[in-house]
Amino acid sequence: MNVSTQDLEPCRWTPVPLDMQVIGIGYGIGGGSKIESVSKNDKKHTLLSALSFGMPISRSQSIKFVYIYQKSNSSIGVDSNSLTFAWSKYF
């Protein structure tokens, strides 16, 4: 079957089901710097973890909450706890 691009219908956006919830987790450990492939011998001992929860609030809108924890195990760095909120609108 030979189909030209003019015969194809455009894709339509499919709404997210209202009973769908999403949970995500993430982590990261360590870090360091290189400039022009030369190590700067500044290895970081940082632990970063995150937990997120998202859910639709209507057929075209959704919300997401994310908690981020960062702990520095060296003298350089920051310890932080962050709670973020996001709202999405589908057009």
N, C-alpha and C. Protein backbone atom coordinates (compact mmCIF):
# COMPACT_ATOMS: atom_id res chain seq x y z
N MET A 1 0.85 -1.18 0.00
CA MET A 1 0.00 0.00 0.00
C MET A 1 0.89 1.24 0.00
N ASN A 2 0.65 2.14 -0.89
CA ASN A 2 1.41 3.37 -1.00
C ASN A 2 0.55 4.51 -0.47
N VAL A 3 1.00 5.13 0.61
CA VAL A 3 0.23 6.21 1.24
C VAL A 3 1.07 7.47 1.22
N SER A 4 0.53 8.53 0.71
CA SER A 4 1.26 9.80 0.73
C SER A 4 0.95 10.51 2.04
N THR A 5 1.76 11.50 2.36
CA THR A 5 1.56 12.23 3.62
C THR A 5 0.26 13.02 3.61
N GLN A 6 -0.26 13.35 2.45
CA GLN A 6 -1.52 14.09 2.41
C GLN A 6 -2.71 13.21 2.78
N ASP A 7 -2.56 11.88 2.70
CA ASP A 7 -3.65 10.97 3.04
C ASP A 7 -3.75 10.70 4.54
N LEU A 8 -2.73 11.08 5.29
CA LEU A 8 -2.73 10.80 6.73
C LEU A 8 -3.48 11.89 7.49
N GLU A 9 -4.24 11.47 8.49
CA GLU A 9 -4.92 12.44 9.34
C GLU A 9 -3.95 12.93 10.40
N PRO A 10 -4.07 14.18 10.83
CA PRO A 10 -3.18 14.67 11.89
C PRO A 10 -3.46 13.95 13.20
N CYS A 11 -2.43 13.81 14.01
CA CYS A 11 -2.59 13.17 15.32
C CYS A 11 -3.44 14.06 16.21
N ARG A 12 -4.25 13.42 17.00
CA ARG A 12 -5.09 14.16 17.95
C ARG A 12 -4.59 13.89 19.36
N TRP A 13 -4.70 14.89 20.21
CA TRP A 13 -4.29 14.75 21.61
C TRP A 13 -5.29 13.86 22.32
N THR A 14 -4.79 12.92 23.09
CA THR A 14 -5.63 12.01 23.86
C THR A 14 -5.60 12.46 25.31
N PRO A 15 -6.74 12.74 25.90
CA PRO A 15 -6.75 13.20 27.29
C PRO A 15 -6.27 12.11 28.25
N VAL A 16 -5.68 12.54 29.35
CA VAL A 16 -5.21 11.63 30.39
C VAL A 16 -6.41 11.13 31.18
N PRO A 17 -6.48 9.83 31.48
CA PRO A 17 -7.59 9.34 32.30
C PRO A 17 -7.57 9.98 33.68
N LEU A 18 -8.73 10.33 34.20
CA LEU A 18 -8.81 11.01 35.48
C LEU A 18 -8.42 10.13 36.66
N ASP A 19 -8.42 8.83 36.50
CA ASP A 19 -8.08 7.94 37.61
C ASP A 19 -6.60 7.55 37.61
N MET A 20 -5.77 8.24 36.85
CA MET A 20 -4.35 7.91 36.75
C MET A 20 -3.53 8.76 37.70
N GLN A 21 -2.75 8.13 38.57
CA GLN A 21 -1.81 8.82 39.43
C GLN A 21 -0.41 8.34 39.09
N VAL A 22 0.58 9.22 39.26
CA VAL A 22 1.95 8.89 38.91
C VAL A 22 2.84 9.15 40.11
N ILE A 23 3.70 8.17 40.44
CA ILE A 23 4.67 8.32 41.52
C ILE A 23 6.05 8.09 40.92
N GLY A 24 7.00 8.94 41.28
CA GLY A 24 8.36 8.78 40.78
C GLY A 24 9.37 8.98 41.89
N ILE A 25 10.52 8.32 41.75
CA ILE A 25 11.61 8.50 42.70
C ILE A 25 12.89 8.70 41.91
N GLY A 26 13.86 9.35 42.54
CA GLY A 26 15.14 9.55 41.88
C GLY A 26 16.23 9.75 42.92
N TYR A 27 17.49 9.56 42.50
CA TYR A 27 18.60 9.76 43.41
C TYR A 27 19.84 10.15 42.63
N GLY A 28 20.80 10.69 43.34
CA GLY A 28 22.10 11.00 42.76
C GLY A 28 23.13 11.02 43.87
N ILE A 29 24.34 10.59 43.55
CA ILE A 29 25.41 10.54 44.54
C ILE A 29 26.68 11.09 43.91
N GLY A 30 27.39 11.95 44.65
CA GLY A 30 28.71 12.40 44.23
C GLY A 30 28.69 13.50 43.21
N GLY A 31 29.84 13.73 42.60
CA GLY A 31 30.02 14.77 41.60
C GLY A 31 31.45 15.26 41.62
N GLY A 32 31.81 16.11 40.69
CA GLY A 32 33.15 16.66 40.59
C GLY A 32 33.23 17.59 39.39
N SER A 33 34.41 18.16 39.20
CA SER A 33 34.59 19.11 38.10
C SER A 33 35.75 18.70 37.20
N LYS A 34 35.57 18.96 35.89
CA LYS A 34 36.64 18.83 34.91
C LYS A 34 36.57 20.05 34.00
N ILE A 35 37.71 20.64 33.72
CA ILE A 35 37.79 21.75 32.79
C ILE A 35 38.78 21.35 31.71
N GLU A 36 38.31 21.31 30.48
CA GLU A 36 39.12 20.88 29.34
C GLU A 36 39.77 19.52 29.62
N SER A 37 38.96 18.59 30.12
CA SER A 37 39.36 17.20 30.41
C SER A 37 40.39 17.07 31.53
N VAL A 38 40.61 18.13 32.32
CA VAL A 38 41.54 18.09 33.44
C VAL A 38 40.71 18.10 34.73
N SER A 39 40.89 17.06 35.54
CA SER A 39 40.18 16.96 36.81
C SER A 39 40.66 18.05 37.77
N LYS A 40 39.74 18.67 38.47
CA LYS A 40 40.08 19.72 39.43
C LYS A 40 40.17 19.20 40.86
N ASN A 41 40.13 17.87 41.01
CA ASN A 41 40.30 17.21 42.30
C ASN A 41 39.38 17.80 43.37
N ASP A 42 38.14 18.00 43.02
CA ASP A 42 37.16 18.55 43.97
C ASP A 42 35.92 17.65 44.06
N LYS A 43 36.16 16.39 44.27
CA LYS A 43 35.05 15.45 44.34
C LYS A 43 34.09 15.86 45.44
N LYS A 44 32.82 15.80 45.11
CA LYS A 44 31.76 16.15 46.05
C LYS A 44 31.19 14.86 46.62
N HIS A 45 30.80 14.89 47.85
CA HIS A 45 30.16 13.75 48.50
C HIS A 45 28.74 14.19 48.86
N THR A 46 27.91 14.28 47.86
CA THR A 46 26.56 14.79 48.03
C THR A 46 25.55 13.68 47.73
N LEU A 47 24.54 13.60 48.56
CA LEU A 47 23.44 12.67 48.35
C LEU A 47 22.22 13.49 47.97
N LEU A 48 21.58 13.15 46.87
CA LEU A 48 20.40 13.85 46.39
C LEU A 48 19.32 12.81 46.14
N SER A 49 18.15 13.03 46.72
CA SER A 49 17.03 12.11 46.49
C SER A 49 15.76 12.92 46.27
N ALA A 50 14.81 12.33 45.56
CA ALA A 50 13.57 13.03 45.24
C ALA A 50 12.41 12.04 45.19
N LEU A 51 11.25 12.52 45.53
CA LEU A 51 10.02 11.75 45.46
C LEU A 51 8.96 12.66 44.85
N SER A 52 8.25 12.17 43.84
CA SER A 52 7.24 13.00 43.19
C SER A 52 5.92 12.25 43.10
N PHE A 53 4.83 13.02 43.09
CA PHE A 53 3.48 12.49 42.95
C PHE A 53 2.71 13.42 42.03
N GLY A 54 2.11 12.89 40.99
CA GLY A 54 1.32 13.69 40.07
C GLY A 54 -0.03 13.05 39.80
N MET A 55 -0.99 13.90 39.48
CA MET A 55 -2.33 13.40 39.18
C MET A 55 -3.10 14.43 38.36
N PRO A 56 -3.99 13.97 37.48
CA PRO A 56 -4.82 14.91 36.73
C PRO A 56 -5.93 15.47 37.63
N ILE A 57 -6.30 16.73 37.41
CA ILE A 57 -7.42 17.32 38.14
C ILE A 57 -8.61 17.57 37.22
N SER A 58 -8.38 17.48 35.93
CA SER A 58 -9.44 17.53 34.93
C SER A 58 -8.88 16.88 33.67
N ARG A 59 -9.66 16.84 32.61
CA ARG A 59 -9.19 16.23 31.36
C ARG A 59 -8.05 17.01 30.71
N SER A 60 -7.88 18.27 31.07
CA SER A 60 -6.83 19.07 30.44
C SER A 60 -5.87 19.72 31.43
N GLN A 61 -5.93 19.33 32.71
CA GLN A 61 -5.05 19.92 33.71
C GLN A 61 -4.53 18.84 34.65
N SER A 62 -3.31 19.04 35.15
CA SER A 62 -2.76 18.11 36.12
C SER A 62 -1.87 18.88 37.10
N ILE A 63 -1.61 18.25 38.25
CA ILE A 63 -0.75 18.84 39.27
C ILE A 63 0.32 17.83 39.64
N LYS A 64 1.44 18.34 40.16
CA LYS A 64 2.53 17.48 40.61
C LYS A 64 3.17 18.11 41.84
N PHE A 65 3.44 17.27 42.84
CA PHE A 65 4.18 17.66 44.04
C PHE A 65 5.50 16.90 44.03
N VAL A 66 6.59 17.60 44.35
CA VAL A 66 7.91 16.98 44.37
C VAL A 66 8.63 17.39 45.65
N TYR A 67 9.18 16.40 46.36
CA TYR A 67 10.03 16.65 47.53
C TYR A 67 11.46 16.29 47.14
N ILE A 68 12.40 17.21 47.37
CA ILE A 68 13.81 17.01 47.03
C ILE A 68 14.65 17.19 48.29
N TYR A 69 15.50 16.21 48.57
CA TYR A 69 16.38 16.23 49.73
C TYR A 69 17.82 16.21 49.24
N GLN A 70 18.63 17.14 49.74
CA GLN A 70 20.04 17.19 49.37
C GLN A 70 20.87 17.28 50.64
N LYS A 71 21.85 16.40 50.78
CA LYS A 71 22.73 16.36 51.95
C LYS A 71 24.17 16.33 51.48
N SER A 72 24.96 17.31 51.91
CA SER A 72 26.37 17.37 51.57
C SER A 72 27.17 16.73 52.68
N ASN A 73 28.06 15.79 52.33
CA ASN A 73 28.90 15.12 53.31
C ASN A 73 30.32 15.65 53.29
N SER A 74 30.50 16.86 52.78
CA SER A 74 31.81 17.49 52.77
C SER A 74 31.66 18.93 53.25
N SER A 75 32.80 19.61 53.40
CA SER A 75 32.74 20.99 53.91
C SER A 75 32.21 21.97 52.87
N ILE A 76 32.21 21.59 51.59
CA ILE A 76 31.69 22.44 50.53
C ILE A 76 30.37 21.85 50.07
N GLY A 77 29.33 22.65 50.07
CA GLY A 77 28.04 22.17 49.61
C GLY A 77 26.93 22.70 50.49
N VAL A 78 25.74 22.27 50.20
CA VAL A 78 24.57 22.77 50.92
C VAL A 78 23.67 21.59 51.28
N ASP A 79 23.03 21.69 52.43
CA ASP A 79 21.98 20.75 52.82
C ASP A 79 20.65 21.46 52.60
N SER A 80 19.73 20.79 51.93
CA SER A 80 18.46 21.45 51.67
C SER A 80 17.32 20.44 51.59
N ASN A 81 16.14 20.93 51.90
CA ASN A 81 14.88 20.22 51.73
C ASN A 81 13.99 21.14 50.92
N SER A 82 13.44 20.64 49.83
CA SER A 82 12.60 21.47 48.97
C SER A 82 11.29 20.76 48.68
N LEU A 83 10.21 21.50 48.72
CA LEU A 83 8.91 21.00 48.32
C LEU A 83 8.43 21.89 47.18
N THR A 84 8.17 21.29 46.02
CA THR A 84 7.75 22.07 44.86
C THR A 84 6.38 21.62 44.39
N PHE A 85 5.72 22.51 43.70
CA PHE A 85 4.38 22.27 43.18
C PHE A 85 4.36 22.72 41.73
N ALA A 86 3.76 21.92 40.86
CA ALA A 86 3.65 22.28 39.44
C ALA A 86 2.21 22.07 38.97
N TRP A 87 1.76 22.93 38.09
CA TRP A 87 0.42 22.84 37.48
C TRP A 87 0.62 22.83 35.97
N SER A 88 -0.03 21.89 35.29
CA SER A 88 0.08 21.78 33.84
C SER A 88 -1.29 21.96 33.19
N LYS A 89 -1.31 22.65 32.07
CA LYS A 89 -2.53 22.86 31.29
C LYS A 89 -2.26 22.37 29.89
N TYR A 90 -3.05 21.44 29.40
CA TYR A 90 -2.93 20.92 28.05
C TYR A 90 -3.78 21.77 27.11
N PHE A 91 -3.23 22.15 25.97
CA PHE A 91 -3.98 22.96 25.01
C PHE A 91 -4.35 22.14 23.81
